[in-house]
């Protein structure tokens, strides 16, 4: 989905639009899934990375610009715990009980017309 909005700064409003968001690369060098007896499943992802490409445009009372952007997020660590309630009366369900995510580095490259 596109992201559109505006922010108020000291000299006025900035309108922005981010569109055409595409995940172009995902690396999961370390991932494991383990069963938690009687309660659910634990997923651990270590040192992952993600690259996202997108279009952007920005407009203020003074100028406007647009272009492409690439965002690379690395050193991502995720720990998620899912519960799997035991209920023999219906379909199996799964719900997220807890999730912790950290990222180490974010590199943003903007290519614009100005």
PDB file of N, CA and C in Angstrom:
ATOM      1  N   UNK A   1       0.818  -1.203   0.000  1.00  0.00           N
ATOM      2  CA  UNK A   1       0.000   0.000   0.000  1.00  0.00           C
ATOM      3  C   UNK A   1       0.860   1.264   0.000  1.00  0.00           C
ATOM      4  N   UNK A   2       0.331   2.303  -0.586  1.00  0.00           N
ATOM      5  CA  UNK A   2       1.029   3.586  -0.621  1.00  0.00           C
ATOM      6  C   UNK A   2       0.943   4.277   0.740  1.00  0.00           C
ATOM      7  N   UNK A   3       1.915   5.140   1.005  1.00  0.00           N
ATOM      8  CA  UNK A   3       1.929   5.942   2.225  1.00  0.00           C
ATOM      9  C   UNK A   3       1.836   7.405   1.817  1.00  0.00           C
ATOM     10  N   UNK A   4       0.806   8.092   2.285  1.00  0.00           N
ATOM     11  CA  UNK A   4       0.595   9.492   1.959  1.00  0.00           C
ATOM     12  C   UNK A   4       0.307  10.253   3.239  1.00  0.00           C
ATOM     13  N   UNK A   5       0.835  11.467   3.335  1.00  0.00           N
ATOM     14  CA  UNK A   5       0.555  12.257   4.524  1.00  0.00           C
ATOM     15  C   UNK A   5       1.211  13.612   4.464  1.00  0.00           C
ATOM     16  N   UNK A   6       1.174  14.290   5.606  1.00  0.00           N
ATOM     17  CA  UNK A   6       1.825  15.590   5.711  1.00  0.00           C
ATOM     18  C   UNK A   6       2.341  15.770   7.133  1.00  0.00           C
ATOM     19  N   UNK A   7       3.387  16.535   7.233  1.00  0.00           N
ATOM     20  CA  UNK A   7       4.011  16.845   8.521  1.00  0.00           C
ATOM     21  C   UNK A   7       4.193  18.347   8.599  1.00  0.00           C
ATOM     22  N   UNK A   8       4.007  18.893   9.787  1.00  0.00           N
ATOM     23  CA  UNK A   8       4.193  20.329   9.982  1.00  0.00           C
ATOM     24  C   UNK A   8       5.571  20.578  10.571  1.00  0.00           C
ATOM     25  N   UNK A   9       6.334  21.436   9.898  1.00  0.00           N
ATOM     26  CA  UNK A   9       7.657  21.831  10.360  1.00  0.00           C
ATOM     27  C   UNK A   9       7.650  23.333  10.607  1.00  0.00           C
ATOM     28  N   UNK A  10       8.744  23.856  11.096  1.00  0.00           N
ATOM     29  CA  UNK A  10       8.840  25.267  11.437  1.00  0.00           C
ATOM     30  C   UNK A  10       8.452  26.215  10.321  1.00  0.00           C
ATOM     31  N   UNK A  11       8.777  25.887   9.092  1.00  0.00           N
ATOM     32  CA  UNK A  11       8.514  26.790   7.970  1.00  0.00           C
ATOM     33  C   UNK A  11       7.264  26.429   7.177  1.00  0.00           C
ATOM     34  N   UNK A  12       6.493  25.455   7.620  1.00  0.00           N
ATOM     35  CA  UNK A  12       5.275  25.099   6.903  1.00  0.00           C
ATOM     36  C   UNK A  12       5.055  23.606   6.851  1.00  0.00           C
ATOM     37  N   UNK A  13       4.111  23.211   6.004  1.00  0.00           N
ATOM     38  CA  UNK A  13       3.760  21.807   5.854  1.00  0.00           C
ATOM     39  C   UNK A  13       4.580  21.141   4.756  1.00  0.00           C
ATOM     40  N   UNK A  14       4.867  19.872   4.970  1.00  0.00           N
ATOM     41  CA  UNK A  14       5.522  19.039   3.965  1.00  0.00           C
ATOM     42  C   UNK A  14       4.553  17.913   3.627  1.00  0.00           C
ATOM     43  N   UNK A  15       4.160  17.828   2.364  1.00  0.00           N
ATOM     44  CA  UNK A  15       3.302  16.738   1.903  1.00  0.00           C
ATOM     45  C   UNK A  15       4.187  15.693   1.244  1.00  0.00           C
ATOM     46  N   UNK A  16       3.900  14.414   1.520  1.00  0.00           N
ATOM     47  CA  UNK A  16       4.716  13.348   0.949  1.00  0.00           C
ATOM     48  C   UNK A  16       3.842  12.208   0.461  1.00  0.00           C
ATOM     49  N   UNK A  17       4.381  11.463  -0.479  1.00  0.00           N
ATOM     50  CA  UNK A  17       3.734  10.263  -0.988  1.00  0.00           C
ATOM     51  C   UNK A  17       4.821   9.243  -1.299  1.00  0.00           C
ATOM     52  N   UNK A  18       4.655   8.036  -0.788  1.00  0.00           N
ATOM     53  CA  UNK A  18       5.560   6.922  -1.073  1.00  0.00           C
ATOM     54  C   UNK A  18       4.718   5.844  -1.741  1.00  0.00           C
ATOM     55  N   UNK A  19       5.107   5.439  -2.942  1.00  0.00           N
ATOM     56  CA  UNK A  19       4.307   4.482  -3.707  1.00  0.00           C
ATOM     57  C   UNK A  19       5.205   3.443  -4.373  1.00  0.00           C
ATOM     58  N   UNK A  20       4.568   2.436  -4.941  1.00  0.00           N
ATOM     59  CA  UNK A  20       5.318   1.396  -5.648  1.00  0.00           C
ATOM     60  C   UNK A  20       6.308   0.681  -4.755  1.00  0.00           C
ATOM     61  N   UNK A  21       5.899   0.399  -3.522  1.00  0.00           N
ATOM     62  CA  UNK A  21       6.792  -0.226  -2.546  1.00  0.00           C
ATOM     63  C   UNK A  21       6.944  -1.713  -2.887  1.00  0.00           C
ATOM     64  N   UNK A  22       8.198  -2.144  -3.108  1.00  0.00           N
ATOM     65  CA  UNK A  22       8.477  -3.539  -3.454  1.00  0.00           C
ATOM     66  C   UNK A  22       9.656  -4.054  -2.643  1.00  0.00           C
ATOM     67  N   UNK A  23       9.469  -5.201  -2.017  1.00  0.00           N
ATOM     68  CA  UNK A  23      10.584  -5.879  -1.357  1.00  0.00           C
ATOM     69  C   UNK A  23      11.351  -6.603  -2.450  1.00  0.00           C
ATOM     70  N   UNK A  24      12.622  -6.241  -2.635  1.00  0.00           N
ATOM     71  CA  UNK A  24      13.402  -6.808  -3.734  1.00  0.00           C
ATOM     72  C   UNK A  24      14.387  -7.875  -3.285  1.00  0.00           C
ATOM     73  N   UNK A  25      14.674  -7.943  -1.989  1.00  0.00           N
ATOM     74  CA  UNK A  25      15.598  -8.972  -1.497  1.00  0.00           C
ATOM     75  C   UNK A  25      15.357  -9.215  -0.012  1.00  0.00           C
ATOM     76  N   UNK A  26      15.417 -10.486   0.373  1.00  0.00           N
ATOM     77  CA  UNK A  26      15.335 -10.894   1.777  1.00  0.00           C
ATOM     78  C   UNK A  26      16.393 -11.960   1.991  1.00  0.00           C
ATOM     79  N   UNK A  27      17.206 -11.793   3.014  1.00  0.00           N
ATOM     80  CA  UNK A  27      18.206 -12.801   3.361  1.00  0.00           C
ATOM     81  C   UNK A  27      17.990 -13.230   4.804  1.00  0.00           C
ATOM     82  N   UNK A  28      17.884 -14.544   5.008  1.00  0.00           N
ATOM     83  CA  UNK A  28      17.693 -15.127   6.338  1.00  0.00           C
ATOM     84  C   UNK A  28      18.820 -16.121   6.609  1.00  0.00           C
ATOM     85  N   UNK A  29      20.011 -15.638   6.942  1.00  0.00           N
ATOM     86  CA  UNK A  29      21.139 -16.548   7.130  1.00  0.00           C
ATOM     87  C   UNK A  29      20.996 -17.468   8.338  1.00  0.00           C
ATOM     88  N   UNK A  30      20.206 -17.052   9.309  1.00  0.00           N
ATOM     89  CA  UNK A  30      20.032 -17.865  10.507  1.00  0.00           C
ATOM     90  C   UNK A  30      18.574 -17.814  10.932  1.00  0.00           C
ATOM     91  N   UNK A  31      17.884 -18.956  10.835  1.00  0.00           N
ATOM     92  CA  UNK A  31      16.483 -19.023  11.244  1.00  0.00           C
ATOM     93  C   UNK A  31      16.215 -20.384  11.858  1.00  0.00           C
ATOM     94  N   UNK A  32      15.426 -20.395  12.926  1.00  0.00           N
ATOM     95  CA  UNK A  32      15.077 -21.669  13.556  1.00  0.00           C
ATOM     96  C   UNK A  32      13.656 -21.606  14.100  1.00  0.00           C
ATOM     97  N   UNK A  33      13.025 -22.758  14.114  1.00  0.00           N
ATOM     98  CA  UNK A  33      11.690 -22.911  14.683  1.00  0.00           C
ATOM     99  C   UNK A  33      11.769 -24.026  15.706  1.00  0.00           C
ATOM    100  N   UNK A  34      11.223 -23.769  16.887  1.00  0.00           N
ATOM    101  CA  UNK A  34      11.216 -24.807  17.917  1.00  0.00           C
ATOM    102  C   UNK A  34       9.834 -24.896  18.547  1.00  0.00           C
ATOM    103  N   UNK A  35       9.508 -26.089  19.009  1.00  0.00           N
ATOM    104  CA  UNK A  35       8.231 -26.311  19.677  1.00  0.00           C
ATOM    105  C   UNK A  35       8.373 -25.986  21.156  1.00  0.00           C
ATOM    106  N   UNK A  36       7.381 -25.309  21.690  1.00  0.00           N
ATOM    107  CA  UNK A  36       7.316 -25.034  23.117  1.00  0.00           C
ATOM    108  C   UNK A  36       6.248 -25.964  23.677  1.00  0.00           C
ATOM    109  N   UNK A  37       6.651 -27.029  24.359  1.00  0.00           N
ATOM    110  CA  UNK A  37       5.701 -28.055  24.802  1.00  0.00           C
ATOM    111  C   UNK A  37       4.502 -27.464  25.550  1.00  0.00           C
ATOM    112  N   UNK A  38       3.334 -27.813  25.057  1.00  0.00           N
ATOM    113  CA  UNK A  38       2.103 -27.404  25.700  1.00  0.00           C
ATOM    114  C   UNK A  38       1.673 -25.971  25.441  1.00  0.00           C
ATOM    115  N   UNK A  39       2.481 -25.200  24.703  1.00  0.00           N
ATOM    116  CA  UNK A  39       2.080 -23.802  24.539  1.00  0.00           C
ATOM    117  C   UNK A  39       2.153 -23.282  23.107  1.00  0.00           C
ATOM    118  N   UNK A  40       3.128 -23.708  22.313  1.00  0.00           N
ATOM    119  CA  UNK A  40       3.171 -23.166  20.970  1.00  0.00           C
ATOM    120  C   UNK A  40       4.477 -23.353  20.238  1.00  0.00           C
ATOM    121  N   UNK A  41       4.836 -22.335  19.470  1.00  0.00           N
ATOM    122  CA  UNK A  41       5.981 -22.388  18.566  1.00  0.00           C
ATOM    123  C   UNK A  41       6.806 -21.116  18.751  1.00  0.00           C
ATOM    124  N   UNK A  42       8.131 -21.260  18.714  1.00  0.00           N
ATOM    125  CA  UNK A  42       9.027 -20.111  18.808  1.00  0.00           C
ATOM    126  C   UNK A  42       9.824 -20.015  17.512  1.00  0.00           C
ATOM    127  N   UNK A  43       9.831 -18.824  16.917  1.00  0.00           N
ATOM    128  CA  UNK A  43      10.570 -18.548  15.695  1.00  0.00           C
ATOM    129  C   UNK A  43      11.673 -17.555  16.029  1.00  0.00           C
ATOM    130  N   UNK A  44      12.913 -17.890  15.670  1.00  0.00           N
ATOM    131  CA  UNK A  44      14.048 -16.995  15.897  1.00  0.00           C
ATOM    132  C   UNK A  44      14.759 -16.780  14.565  1.00  0.00           C
ATOM    133  N   UNK A  45      14.907 -15.512  14.183  1.00  0.00           N
ATOM    134  CA  UNK A  45      15.621 -15.144  12.962  1.00  0.00           C
ATOM    135  C   UNK A  45      16.771 -14.241  13.373  1.00  0.00           C
ATOM    136  N   UNK A  46      17.979 -14.583  12.912  1.00  0.00           N
ATOM    137  CA  UNK A  46      19.151 -13.805  13.293  1.00  0.00           C
ATOM    138  C   UNK A  46      19.903 -13.251  12.103  1.00  0.00           C
ATOM    139  N   UNK A  47      20.353 -12.017  12.230  1.00  0.00           N
ATOM    140  CA  UNK A  47      21.208 -11.359  11.246  1.00  0.00           C
ATOM    141  C   UNK A  47      20.593 -11.325   9.839  1.00  0.00           C
ATOM    142  N   UNK A  48      19.296 -11.072   9.780  1.00  0.00           N
ATOM    143  CA  UNK A  48      18.600 -11.009   8.496  1.00  0.00           C
ATOM    144  C   UNK A  48      18.796  -9.638   7.855  1.00  0.00           C
ATOM    145  N   UNK A  49      18.483  -9.559   6.559  1.00  0.00           N
ATOM    146  CA  UNK A  49      18.520  -8.268   5.870  1.00  0.00           C
ATOM    147  C   UNK A  49      17.367  -8.197   4.875  1.00  0.00           C
ATOM    148  N   UNK A  50      17.023  -6.964   4.513  1.00  0.00           N
ATOM    149  CA  UNK A  50      15.869  -6.706   3.676  1.00  0.00           C
ATOM    150  C   UNK A  50      16.168  -5.486   2.810  1.00  0.00           C
ATOM    151  N   UNK A  51      15.820  -5.557   1.521  1.00  0.00           N
ATOM    152  CA  UNK A  51      15.977  -4.412   0.623  1.00  0.00           C
ATOM    153  C   UNK A  51      14.617  -4.070   0.034  1.00  0.00           C
ATOM    154  N   UNK A  52      14.280  -2.769   0.071  1.00  0.00           N
ATOM    155  CA  UNK A  52      12.988  -2.286  -0.400  1.00  0.00           C
ATOM    156  C   UNK A  52      13.222  -1.148  -1.391  1.00  0.00           C
ATOM    157  N   UNK A  53      12.549  -1.206  -2.553  1.00  0.00           N
ATOM    158  CA  UNK A  53      12.583  -0.119  -3.536  1.00  0.00           C
ATOM    159  C   UNK A  53      11.227   0.570  -3.544  1.00  0.00           C
ATOM    160  N   UNK A  54      11.229   1.885  -3.812  1.00  0.00           N
ATOM    161  CA  UNK A  54       9.978   2.632  -3.826  1.00  0.00           C
ATOM    162  C   UNK A  54      10.122   3.931  -4.604  1.00  0.00           C
ATOM    163  N   UNK A  55       8.990   4.506  -4.984  1.00  0.00           N
ATOM    164  CA  UNK A  55       8.926   5.852  -5.552  1.00  0.00           C
ATOM    165  C   UNK A  55       8.577   6.811  -4.419  1.00  0.00           C
ATOM    166  N   UNK A  56       9.031   8.050  -4.516  1.00  0.00           N
ATOM    167  CA  UNK A  56       8.680   9.046  -3.502  1.00  0.00           C
ATOM    168  C   UNK A  56       8.479  10.398  -4.162  1.00  0.00           C
ATOM    169  N   UNK A  57       7.643  11.209  -3.546  1.00  0.00           N
ATOM    170  CA  UNK A  57       7.572  12.615  -3.931  1.00  0.00           C
ATOM    171  C   UNK A  57       7.252  13.438  -2.697  1.00  0.00           C
ATOM    172  N   UNK A  58       7.739  14.665  -2.707  1.00  0.00           N
ATOM    173  CA  UNK A  58       7.609  15.567  -1.575  1.00  0.00           C
ATOM    174  C   UNK A  58       7.271  16.948  -2.118  1.00  0.00           C
ATOM    175  N   UNK A  59       6.438  17.688  -1.365  1.00  0.00           N
ATOM    176  CA  UNK A  59       6.040  19.020  -1.808  1.00  0.00           C
ATOM    177  C   UNK A  59       5.924  19.941  -0.596  1.00  0.00           C
ATOM    178  N   UNK A  60       6.535  21.101  -0.712  1.00  0.00           N
ATOM    179  CA  UNK A  60       6.402  22.150   0.296  1.00  0.00           C
ATOM    180  C   UNK A  60       5.977  23.422  -0.428  1.00  0.00           C
ATOM    181  N   UNK A  61       5.764  24.490   0.298  1.00  0.00           N
ATOM    182  CA  UNK A  61       5.398  25.762  -0.333  1.00  0.00           C
ATOM    183  C   UNK A  61       6.557  26.317  -1.157  1.00  0.00           C
ATOM    184  N   UNK A  62       7.776  25.834  -0.867  1.00  0.00           N
ATOM    185  CA  UNK A  62       8.960  26.371  -1.511  1.00  0.00           C
ATOM    186  C   UNK A  62       9.465  25.527  -2.688  1.00  0.00           C
ATOM    187  N   UNK A  63       9.303  24.204  -2.616  1.00  0.00           N
ATOM    188  CA  UNK A  63       9.814  23.340  -3.677  1.00  0.00           C
ATOM    189  C   UNK A  63       9.058  22.022  -3.697  1.00  0.00           C
ATOM    190  N   UNK A  64       9.283  21.283  -4.781  1.00  0.00           N
ATOM    191  CA  UNK A  64       8.776  19.916  -4.879  1.00  0.00           C
ATOM    192  C   UNK A  64       9.844  19.073  -5.547  1.00  0.00           C
ATOM    193  N   UNK A  65       9.843  17.783  -5.231  1.00  0.00           N
ATOM    194  CA  UNK A  65      10.820  16.866  -5.806  1.00  0.00           C
ATOM    195  C   UNK A  65      10.235  15.463  -5.774  1.00  0.00           C
ATOM    196  N   UNK A  66      10.783  14.590  -6.596  1.00  0.00           N
ATOM    197  CA  UNK A  66      10.344  13.192  -6.626  1.00  0.00           C
ATOM    198  C   UNK A  66      11.483  12.338  -7.149  1.00  0.00           C
ATOM    199  N   UNK A  67      11.354  11.035  -6.959  1.00  0.00           N
ATOM    200  CA  UNK A  67      12.383  10.127  -7.442  1.00  0.00           C
ATOM    201  C   UNK A  67      12.170   8.716  -6.953  1.00  0.00           C
ATOM    202  N   UNK A  68      13.253   7.961  -6.957  1.00  0.00           N
ATOM    203  CA  UNK A  68      13.248   6.569  -6.495  1.00  0.00           C
ATOM    204  C   UNK A  68      14.101   6.478  -5.247  1.00  0.00           C
ATOM    205  N   UNK A  69      13.826   5.463  -4.444  1.00  0.00           N
ATOM    206  CA  UNK A  69      14.592   5.256  -3.225  1.00  0.00           C
ATOM    207  C   UNK A  69      14.803   3.766  -3.006  1.00  0.00           C
ATOM    208  N   UNK A  70      15.957   3.440  -2.441  1.00  0.00           N
ATOM    209  CA  UNK A  70      16.256   2.071  -2.020  1.00  0.00           C
ATOM    210  C   UNK A  70      16.611   2.114  -0.543  1.00  0.00           C
ATOM    211  N   UNK A  71      15.953   1.259   0.232  1.00  0.00           N
ATOM    212  CA  UNK A  71      16.214   1.159   1.668  1.00  0.00           C
ATOM    213  C   UNK A  71      16.753  -0.238   1.933  1.00  0.00           C
ATOM    214  N   UNK A  72      17.915  -0.308   2.579  1.00  0.00           N
ATOM    215  CA  UNK A  72      18.507  -1.595   2.946  1.00  0.00           C
ATOM    216  C   UNK A  72      18.593  -1.652   4.471  1.00  0.00           C
ATOM    217  N   UNK A  73      17.921  -2.638   5.052  1.00  0.00           N
ATOM    218  CA  UNK A  73      17.914  -2.828   6.502  1.00  0.00           C
ATOM    219  C   UNK A  73      18.689  -4.103   6.789  1.00  0.00           C
ATOM    220  N   UNK A  74      19.691  -4.015   7.676  1.00  0.00           N
ATOM    221  CA  UNK A  74      20.512  -5.192   7.978  1.00  0.00           C
ATOM    222  C   UNK A  74      20.651  -5.370   9.484  1.00  0.00           C
ATOM    223  N   UNK A  75      21.235  -6.503   9.846  1.00  0.00           N
ATOM    224  CA  UNK A  75      21.396  -6.890  11.250  1.00  0.00           C
ATOM    225  C   UNK A  75      20.042  -6.920  11.961  1.00  0.00           C
ATOM    226  N   UNK A  76      19.067  -7.556  11.304  1.00  0.00           N
ATOM    227  CA  UNK A  76      17.713  -7.665  11.847  1.00  0.00           C
ATOM    228  C   UNK A  76      17.606  -8.959  12.647  1.00  0.00           C
ATOM    229  N   UNK A  77      17.087  -8.838  13.856  1.00  0.00           N
ATOM    230  CA  UNK A  77      16.872  -9.987  14.726  1.00  0.00           C
ATOM    231  C   UNK A  77      15.408 -10.007  15.144  1.00  0.00           C
ATOM    232  N   UNK A  78      14.773 -11.177  15.011  1.00  0.00           N
ATOM    233  CA  UNK A  78      13.354 -11.327  15.341  1.00  0.00           C
ATOM    234  C   UNK A  78      13.183 -12.555  16.222  1.00  0.00           C
ATOM    235  N   UNK A  79      12.431 -12.396  17.300  1.00  0.00           N
ATOM    236  CA  UNK A  79      12.001 -13.527  18.114  1.00  0.00           C
ATOM    237  C   UNK A  79      10.491 -13.424  18.250  1.00  0.00           C
ATOM    238  N   UNK A  80       9.773 -14.440  17.793  1.00  0.00           N
ATOM    239  CA  UNK A  80       8.312 -14.437  17.851  1.00  0.00           C
ATOM    240  C   UNK A  80       7.831 -15.737  18.477  1.00  0.00           C
ATOM    241  N   UNK A  81       6.833 -15.623  19.333  1.00  0.00           N
ATOM    242  CA  UNK A  81       6.228 -16.793  19.961  1.00  0.00           C
ATOM    243  C   UNK A  81       4.760 -16.835  19.543  1.00  0.00           C
ATOM    244  N   UNK A  82       4.344 -17.990  19.032  1.00  0.00           N
ATOM    245  CA  UNK A  82       2.967 -18.202  18.602  1.00  0.00           C
ATOM    246  C   UNK A  82       2.322 -19.231  19.513  1.00  0.00           C
ATOM    247  N   UNK A  83       1.081 -18.985  19.913  1.00  0.00           N
ATOM    248  CA  UNK A  83       0.365 -19.981  20.710  1.00  0.00           C
ATOM    249  C   UNK A  83      -0.549 -20.770  19.785  1.00  0.00           C
ATOM    250  N   UNK A  84      -0.690 -22.028  20.113  1.00  0.00           N
ATOM    251  CA  UNK A  84      -1.565 -22.916  19.357  1.00  0.00           C
ATOM    252  C   UNK A  84      -2.515 -23.575  20.351  1.00  0.00           C
ATOM    253  N   UNK A  85      -3.613 -22.887  20.661  1.00  0.00           N
ATOM    254  CA  UNK A  85      -4.544 -23.439  21.653  1.00  0.00           C
ATOM    255  C   UNK A  85      -5.076 -24.799  21.220  1.00  0.00           C
ATOM    256  N   UNK A  86      -5.202 -25.667  22.198  1.00  0.00           N
ATOM    257  CA  UNK A  86      -5.749 -27.003  21.912  1.00  0.00           C
ATOM    258  C   UNK A  86      -7.260 -26.952  22.028  1.00  0.00           C
ATOM    259  N   UNK A  87      -7.895 -27.134  20.902  1.00  0.00           N
ATOM    260  CA  UNK A  87      -9.348 -27.134  20.857  1.00  0.00           C
ATOM    261  C   UNK A  87      -9.755 -28.122  19.781  1.00  0.00           C
ATOM    262  N   UNK A  88     -10.272 -29.248  20.192  1.00  0.00           N
ATOM    263  CA  UNK A  88     -10.629 -30.303  19.244  1.00  0.00           C
ATOM    264  C   UNK A  88     -11.988 -30.070  18.597  1.00  0.00           C
ATOM    265  N   UNK A  89     -12.650 -28.955  18.931  1.00  0.00           N
ATOM    266  CA  UNK A  89     -13.993 -28.736  18.404  1.00  0.00           C
ATOM    267  C   UNK A  89     -14.013 -27.969  17.088  1.00  0.00           C
ATOM    268  N   UNK A  90     -12.912 -27.370  16.702  1.00  0.00           N
ATOM    269  CA  UNK A  90     -12.912 -26.573  15.475  1.00  0.00           C
ATOM    270  C   UNK A  90     -11.576 -26.628  14.780  1.00  0.00           C
ATOM    271  N   UNK A  91     -11.388 -25.761  13.804  1.00  0.00           N
ATOM    272  CA  UNK A  91     -10.119 -25.742  13.075  1.00  0.00           C
ATOM    273  C   UNK A  91      -8.972 -25.274  13.977  1.00  0.00           C
ATOM    274  N   UNK A  92      -7.776 -25.699  13.635  1.00  0.00           N
ATOM    275  CA  UNK A  92      -6.596 -25.289  14.388  1.00  0.00           C
ATOM    276  C   UNK A  92      -6.379 -23.797  14.207  1.00  0.00           C
ATOM    277  N   UNK A  93      -6.068 -23.124  15.305  1.00  0.00           N
ATOM    278  CA  UNK A  93      -5.807 -21.686  15.225  1.00  0.00           C
ATOM    279  C   UNK A  93      -4.407 -21.404  15.746  1.00  0.00           C
ATOM    280  N   UNK A  94      -3.880 -20.266  15.345  1.00  0.00           N
ATOM    281  CA  UNK A  94      -2.560 -19.846  15.797  1.00  0.00           C
ATOM    282  C   UNK A  94      -2.624 -18.337  16.024  1.00  0.00           C
ATOM    283  N   UNK A  95      -2.004 -17.872  17.101  1.00  0.00           N
ATOM    284  CA  UNK A  95      -1.993 -16.432  17.366  1.00  0.00           C
ATOM    285  C   UNK A  95      -0.622 -16.011  17.870  1.00  0.00           C
ATOM    286  N   UNK A  96      -0.253 -14.788  17.551  1.00  0.00           N
ATOM    287  CA  UNK A  96       1.031 -14.240  17.968  1.00  0.00           C
ATOM    288  C   UNK A  96       0.932 -13.824  19.430  1.00  0.00           C
ATOM    289  N   UNK A  97       1.778 -14.421  20.277  1.00  0.00           N
ATOM    290  CA  UNK A  97       1.777 -14.129  21.707  1.00  0.00           C
ATOM    291  C   UNK A  97       2.756 -13.016  22.040  1.00  0.00           C
ATOM    292  N   UNK A  98       3.949 -13.069  21.453  1.00  0.00           N
ATOM    293  CA  UNK A  98       4.943 -12.016  21.679  1.00  0.00           C
ATOM    294  C   UNK A  98       5.856 -11.913  20.466  1.00  0.00           C
ATOM    295  N   UNK A  99       6.410 -10.718  20.288  1.00  0.00           N
ATOM    296  CA  UNK A  99       7.319 -10.489  19.171  1.00  0.00           C
ATOM    297  C   UNK A  99       8.304  -9.399  19.553  1.00  0.00           C
ATOM    298  N   UNK A 100       9.572  -9.653  19.313  1.00  0.00           N
ATOM    299  CA  UNK A 100      10.619  -8.657  19.564  1.00  0.00           C
ATOM    300  C   UNK A 100      11.484  -8.571  18.314  1.00  0.00           C
ATOM    301  N   UNK A 101      11.689  -7.353  17.830  1.00  0.00           N
ATOM    302  CA  UNK A 101      12.478  -7.129  16.624  1.00  0.00           C
ATOM    303  C   UNK A 101      13.456  -5.988  16.861  1.00  0.00           C
ATOM    304  N   UNK A 102      14.698  -6.191  16.428  1.00  0.00           N
ATOM    305  CA  UNK A 102      15.687  -5.115  16.461  1.00  0.00           C
ATOM    306  C   UNK A 102      16.389  -5.077  15.108  1.00  0.00           C
ATOM    307  N   UNK A 103      16.816  -3.885  14.728  1.00  0.00           N
ATOM    308  CA  UNK A 103      17.596  -3.757  13.495  1.00  0.00           C
ATOM    309  C   UNK A 103      18.826  -2.920  13.795  1.00  0.00           C
ATOM    310  N   UNK A 104      19.935  -3.286  13.176  1.00  0.00           N
ATOM    311  CA  UNK A 104      21.195  -2.622  13.452  1.00  0.00           C
ATOM    312  C   UNK A 104      21.492  -1.462  12.537  1.00  0.00           C
ATOM    313  N   UNK A 105      21.370  -1.652  11.228  1.00  0.00           N
ATOM    314  CA  UNK A 105      21.746  -0.622  10.263  1.00  0.00           C
ATOM    315  C   UNK A 105      20.622  -0.393   9.264  1.00  0.00           C
ATOM    316  N   UNK A 106      20.400   0.880   8.931  1.00  0.00           N
ATOM    317  CA  UNK A 106      19.454   1.248   7.884  1.00  0.00           C
ATOM    318  C   UNK A 106      20.167   2.205   6.937  1.00  0.00           C
ATOM    319  N   UNK A 107      20.235   1.815   5.661  1.00  0.00           N
ATOM    320  CA  UNK A 107      20.889   2.628   4.634  1.00  0.00           C
ATOM    321  C   UNK A 107      19.820   3.078   3.644  1.00  0.00           C
ATOM    322  N   UNK A 108      19.655   4.395   3.483  1.00  0.00           N
ATOM    323  CA  UNK A 108      18.644   4.946   2.585  1.00  0.00           C
ATOM    324  C   UNK A 108      19.337   5.706   1.460  1.00  0.00           C
ATOM    325  N   UNK A 109      19.020   5.324   0.219  1.00  0.00           N
ATOM    326  CA  UNK A 109      19.557   6.024  -0.952  1.00  0.00           C
ATOM    327  C   UNK A 109      18.396   6.686  -1.673  1.00  0.00           C
ATOM    328  N   UNK A 110      18.486   8.010  -1.846  1.00  0.00           N
ATOM    329  CA  UNK A 110      17.461   8.773  -2.546  1.00  0.00           C
ATOM    330  C   UNK A 110      18.005   9.247  -3.883  1.00  0.00           C
ATOM    331  N   UNK A 111      17.256   9.000  -4.935  1.00  0.00           N
ATOM    332  CA  UNK A 111      17.588   9.518  -6.255  1.00  0.00           C
ATOM    333  C   UNK A 111      16.454  10.441  -6.657  1.00  0.00           C
ATOM    334  N   UNK A 112      16.748  11.732  -6.815  1.00  0.00           N
ATOM    335  CA  UNK A 112      15.713  12.703  -7.134  1.00  0.00           C
ATOM    336  C   UNK A 112      16.062  13.536  -8.340  1.00  0.00           C
ATOM    337  N   UNK A 113      15.157  14.420  -8.677  1.00  0.00           N
ATOM    338  CA  UNK A 113      15.326  15.271  -9.851  1.00  0.00           C
ATOM    339  C   UNK A 113      16.051  16.568  -9.525  1.00  0.00           C
ATOM    340  N   UNK A 114      15.964  17.020  -8.279  1.00  0.00           N
ATOM    341  CA  UNK A 114      16.606  18.295  -7.915  1.00  0.00           C
ATOM    342  C   UNK A 114      18.073  18.126  -7.633  1.00  0.00           C
TER     343      UNK A 114
END
